[in-house]
Amino acid sequence: MDLSGDTILEHYRHPRNAGVLPVPTIQHREVNVSCGDALSITLLVRDGVIADIRWEGTGCAVSQAGMSLLSEIAEGMSLDAVLALPSE
């Protein structure tokens, strides 16, 4: 995966899967108390697979771009596979 500065800026300026699902199967919110970044995620899960994913948040370009990138990767994956992704 290309994590160059251009990719990060592209995802920050044009985030993928931004928004909120109206009836999610799973929803979660995290706040980084040290910097104030906040992210919320909503998932639609069917048969253990992420069928749709949306997110919203505030914070730095890296956190916003990172969530955009993760949303593209996670869609279509099983929950087990997503949970097995390395934290880096």
N, C-alpha and C. Protein backbone atom coordinates (compact mmCIF):
# COMPACT_ATOMS: atom_id res chain seq x y z
N MET A 1 0.84 -1.18 0.00
CA MET A 1 0.00 0.00 0.00
C MET A 1 0.88 1.24 0.00
N ASP A 2 0.52 2.18 -0.83
CA ASP A 2 1.27 3.43 -0.96
C ASP A 2 0.84 4.38 0.16
N LEU A 3 1.75 4.71 1.06
CA LEU A 3 1.45 5.64 2.14
C LEU A 3 2.27 6.92 2.01
N SER A 4 2.50 7.33 0.77
CA SER A 4 3.26 8.56 0.52
C SER A 4 2.44 9.77 0.97
N GLY A 5 3.11 10.88 1.08
CA GLY A 5 2.45 12.12 1.44
C GLY A 5 1.32 12.47 0.48
N ASP A 6 1.51 12.18 -0.81
CA ASP A 6 0.47 12.47 -1.79
C ASP A 6 -0.78 11.63 -1.53
N THR A 7 -0.60 10.36 -1.17
CA THR A 7 -1.74 9.48 -0.87
C THR A 7 -2.48 9.98 0.36
N ILE A 8 -1.75 10.35 1.39
CA ILE A 8 -2.37 10.85 2.61
C ILE A 8 -3.15 12.12 2.33
N LEU A 9 -2.57 13.04 1.59
CA LEU A 9 -3.28 14.27 1.25
C LEU A 9 -4.51 14.02 0.38
N GLU A 10 -4.40 13.08 -0.54
CA GLU A 10 -5.55 12.73 -1.40
C GLU A 10 -6.71 12.21 -0.56
N HIS A 11 -6.42 11.31 0.38
CA HIS A 11 -7.49 10.76 1.23
C HIS A 11 -8.01 11.80 2.21
N TYR A 12 -7.17 12.71 2.66
CA TYR A 12 -7.62 13.78 3.56
C TYR A 12 -8.55 14.74 2.82
N ARG A 13 -8.17 15.10 1.61
CA ARG A 13 -8.98 16.06 0.84
C ARG A 13 -10.24 15.44 0.25
N HIS A 14 -10.17 14.15 -0.05
CA HIS A 14 -11.29 13.43 -0.68
C HIS A 14 -11.51 12.11 0.05
N PRO A 15 -12.02 12.17 1.28
CA PRO A 15 -12.15 10.96 2.08
C PRO A 15 -13.15 9.97 1.47
N ARG A 16 -12.78 8.71 1.56
CA ARG A 16 -13.65 7.64 1.08
C ARG A 16 -14.52 7.15 2.22
N ASN A 17 -15.75 6.80 1.89
CA ASN A 17 -16.71 6.20 2.83
C ASN A 17 -17.04 7.10 4.02
N ALA A 18 -16.95 8.40 3.84
CA ALA A 18 -17.31 9.33 4.91
C ALA A 18 -18.82 9.37 5.07
N GLY A 19 -19.26 9.50 6.30
CA GLY A 19 -20.69 9.58 6.59
C GLY A 19 -21.07 8.62 7.70
N VAL A 20 -22.38 8.42 7.85
CA VAL A 20 -22.91 7.56 8.89
C VAL A 20 -23.97 6.65 8.28
N LEU A 21 -23.90 5.37 8.59
CA LEU A 21 -24.95 4.45 8.14
C LEU A 21 -26.20 4.66 8.99
N PRO A 22 -27.38 4.70 8.37
CA PRO A 22 -28.59 4.97 9.14
C PRO A 22 -28.95 3.86 10.13
N VAL A 23 -28.68 2.61 9.78
CA VAL A 23 -29.00 1.48 10.66
C VAL A 23 -27.80 0.54 10.70
N PRO A 24 -26.77 0.89 11.47
CA PRO A 24 -25.57 0.06 11.50
C PRO A 24 -25.75 -1.19 12.35
N THR A 25 -24.98 -2.20 12.03
CA THR A 25 -24.90 -3.40 12.86
C THR A 25 -23.97 -3.13 14.04
N ILE A 26 -22.90 -2.39 13.78
CA ILE A 26 -21.90 -2.06 14.80
C ILE A 26 -21.58 -0.57 14.68
N GLN A 27 -21.43 0.08 15.81
CA GLN A 27 -20.96 1.46 15.81
C GLN A 27 -19.98 1.63 16.97
N HIS A 28 -18.97 2.48 16.73
CA HIS A 28 -17.93 2.68 17.74
C HIS A 28 -17.33 4.07 17.57
N ARG A 29 -16.88 4.64 18.69
CA ARG A 29 -16.25 5.96 18.68
C ARG A 29 -14.98 5.89 19.52
N GLU A 30 -13.92 6.53 19.05
CA GLU A 30 -12.66 6.62 19.78
C GLU A 30 -12.21 8.08 19.79
N VAL A 31 -11.62 8.49 20.90
CA VAL A 31 -11.05 9.83 21.02
C VAL A 31 -9.63 9.69 21.55
N ASN A 32 -8.71 10.36 20.89
CA ASN A 32 -7.33 10.40 21.37
C ASN A 32 -7.22 11.61 22.30
N VAL A 33 -7.17 11.36 23.59
CA VAL A 33 -7.17 12.46 24.55
C VAL A 33 -5.90 13.31 24.49
N SER A 34 -4.82 12.76 23.97
CA SER A 34 -3.58 13.53 23.91
C SER A 34 -3.58 14.58 22.82
N CYS A 35 -4.34 14.36 21.73
CA CYS A 35 -4.34 15.34 20.64
C CYS A 35 -5.73 15.84 20.26
N GLY A 36 -6.77 15.15 20.71
CA GLY A 36 -8.13 15.59 20.43
C GLY A 36 -8.76 14.98 19.19
N ASP A 37 -8.02 14.16 18.45
CA ASP A 37 -8.63 13.49 17.29
C ASP A 37 -9.78 12.62 17.76
N ALA A 38 -10.87 12.60 16.99
CA ALA A 38 -12.04 11.79 17.33
C ALA A 38 -12.56 11.14 16.06
N LEU A 39 -12.84 9.85 16.12
CA LEU A 39 -13.35 9.10 14.98
C LEU A 39 -14.52 8.23 15.42
N SER A 40 -15.55 8.20 14.60
CA SER A 40 -16.69 7.31 14.80
C SER A 40 -16.83 6.45 13.56
N ILE A 41 -17.19 5.19 13.76
CA ILE A 41 -17.34 4.27 12.64
C ILE A 41 -18.67 3.53 12.78
N THR A 42 -19.33 3.34 11.66
CA THR A 42 -20.54 2.52 11.63
C THR A 42 -20.35 1.44 10.57
N LEU A 43 -20.74 0.22 10.91
CA LEU A 43 -20.58 -0.92 10.01
C LEU A 43 -21.90 -1.62 9.78
N LEU A 44 -22.09 -2.12 8.59
CA LEU A 44 -23.17 -3.03 8.27
C LEU A 44 -22.52 -4.38 8.03
N VAL A 45 -22.80 -5.34 8.89
CA VAL A 45 -22.18 -6.66 8.81
C VAL A 45 -23.23 -7.68 8.39
N ARG A 46 -22.87 -8.46 7.39
CA ARG A 46 -23.74 -9.55 6.92
C ARG A 46 -22.92 -10.83 6.88
N ASP A 47 -23.38 -11.85 7.57
CA ASP A 47 -22.69 -13.14 7.60
C ASP A 47 -21.22 -13.00 7.98
N GLY A 48 -20.94 -12.12 8.93
CA GLY A 48 -19.58 -11.95 9.42
C GLY A 48 -18.67 -11.13 8.53
N VAL A 49 -19.22 -10.53 7.47
CA VAL A 49 -18.43 -9.74 6.51
C VAL A 49 -18.92 -8.29 6.52
N ILE A 50 -17.98 -7.35 6.46
CA ILE A 50 -18.34 -5.93 6.42
C ILE A 50 -18.90 -5.62 5.03
N ALA A 51 -20.21 -5.44 4.98
CA ALA A 51 -20.89 -5.16 3.72
C ALA A 51 -20.85 -3.67 3.38
N ASP A 52 -20.82 -2.83 4.40
CA ASP A 52 -20.75 -1.38 4.19
C ASP A 52 -20.09 -0.76 5.41
N ILE A 53 -19.40 0.32 5.18
CA ILE A 53 -18.66 0.99 6.25
C ILE A 53 -18.71 2.50 6.01
N ARG A 54 -18.96 3.23 7.07
CA ARG A 54 -18.94 4.69 7.01
C ARG A 54 -18.26 5.21 8.27
N TRP A 55 -17.70 6.38 8.17
CA TRP A 55 -17.00 6.97 9.31
C TRP A 55 -17.09 8.48 9.24
N GLU A 56 -16.89 9.10 10.39
CA GLU A 56 -16.79 10.56 10.46
C GLU A 56 -15.86 10.89 11.61
N GLY A 57 -15.26 12.06 11.54
CA GLY A 57 -14.36 12.43 12.61
C GLY A 57 -13.74 13.78 12.41
N THR A 58 -12.98 14.15 13.41
CA THR A 58 -12.24 15.41 13.37
C THR A 58 -10.81 15.12 13.81
N GLY A 59 -9.91 15.91 13.32
CA GLY A 59 -8.52 15.73 13.73
C GLY A 59 -7.57 16.04 12.60
N CYS A 60 -6.36 15.58 12.77
CA CYS A 60 -5.29 15.88 11.82
C CYS A 60 -5.46 15.13 10.51
N ALA A 61 -4.71 15.55 9.52
CA ALA A 61 -4.78 14.92 8.19
C ALA A 61 -4.44 13.43 8.26
N VAL A 62 -3.49 13.06 9.10
CA VAL A 62 -3.09 11.66 9.18
C VAL A 62 -4.21 10.79 9.74
N SER A 63 -4.89 11.24 10.79
CA SER A 63 -5.98 10.43 11.35
C SER A 63 -7.14 10.31 10.37
N GLN A 64 -7.46 11.40 9.70
CA GLN A 64 -8.57 11.38 8.74
C GLN A 64 -8.24 10.52 7.52
N ALA A 65 -7.06 10.69 6.98
CA ALA A 65 -6.63 9.89 5.83
C ALA A 65 -6.50 8.42 6.21
N GLY A 66 -5.99 8.16 7.42
CA GLY A 66 -5.86 6.79 7.88
C GLY A 66 -7.20 6.08 7.95
N MET A 67 -8.22 6.77 8.43
CA MET A 67 -9.55 6.15 8.51
C MET A 67 -10.12 5.94 7.12
N SER A 68 -9.88 6.86 6.22
CA SER A 68 -10.33 6.71 4.84
C SER A 68 -9.68 5.48 4.20
N LEU A 69 -8.37 5.35 4.38
CA LEU A 69 -7.65 4.19 3.85
C LEU A 69 -8.15 2.89 4.47
N LEU A 70 -8.31 2.88 5.79
CA LEU A 70 -8.78 1.68 6.48
C LEU A 70 -10.18 1.29 6.00
N SER A 71 -11.02 2.27 5.76
CA SER A 71 -12.38 1.96 5.31
C SER A 71 -12.37 1.26 3.94
N GLU A 72 -11.46 1.66 3.07
CA GLU A 72 -11.35 0.99 1.77
C GLU A 72 -10.84 -0.44 1.92
N ILE A 73 -9.90 -0.64 2.83
CA ILE A 73 -9.34 -1.97 3.05
C ILE A 73 -10.36 -2.90 3.69
N ALA A 74 -11.09 -2.40 4.69
CA ALA A 74 -11.96 -3.24 5.51
C ALA A 74 -13.24 -3.66 4.80
N GLU A 75 -13.75 -2.85 3.91
CA GLU A 75 -15.01 -3.20 3.25
C GLU A 75 -14.83 -4.50 2.46
N GLY A 76 -15.71 -5.45 2.74
CA GLY A 76 -15.64 -6.75 2.07
C GLY A 76 -14.85 -7.79 2.84
N MET A 77 -14.17 -7.38 3.91
CA MET A 77 -13.41 -8.31 4.73
C MET A 77 -14.28 -8.88 5.84
N SER A 78 -13.90 -10.05 6.34
CA SER A 78 -14.58 -10.60 7.50
C SER A 78 -14.16 -9.82 8.74
N LEU A 79 -15.00 -9.84 9.76
CA LEU A 79 -14.65 -9.17 11.01
C LEU A 79 -13.39 -9.78 11.59
N ASP A 80 -13.25 -11.11 11.51
CA ASP A 80 -12.05 -11.77 12.03
C ASP A 80 -10.80 -11.27 11.33
N ALA A 81 -10.87 -11.11 10.00
CA ALA A 81 -9.70 -10.63 9.24
C ALA A 81 -9.36 -9.21 9.61
N VAL A 82 -10.36 -8.38 9.81
CA VAL A 82 -10.10 -6.97 10.19
C VAL A 82 -9.48 -6.93 11.58
N LEU A 83 -9.99 -7.72 12.51
CA LEU A 83 -9.44 -7.73 13.85
C LEU A 83 -8.01 -8.27 13.88
N ALA A 84 -7.63 -9.05 12.88
CA ALA A 84 -6.28 -9.60 12.81
C ALA A 84 -5.29 -8.65 12.14
N LEU A 85 -5.77 -7.53 11.59
CA LEU A 85 -4.86 -6.56 10.96
C LEU A 85 -3.89 -6.01 12.01
N PRO A 86 -2.64 -5.80 11.63
CA PRO A 86 -1.69 -5.23 12.59
C PRO A 86 -2.07 -3.80 12.94
N SER A 87 -1.82 -3.40 14.16
CA SER A 87 -2.20 -2.05 14.61
C SER A 87 -1.42 -0.95 13.91
N GLU A 88 -0.26 -1.29 13.34
CA GLU A 88 0.52 -0.27 12.65
C GLU A 88 -0.22 0.20 11.43
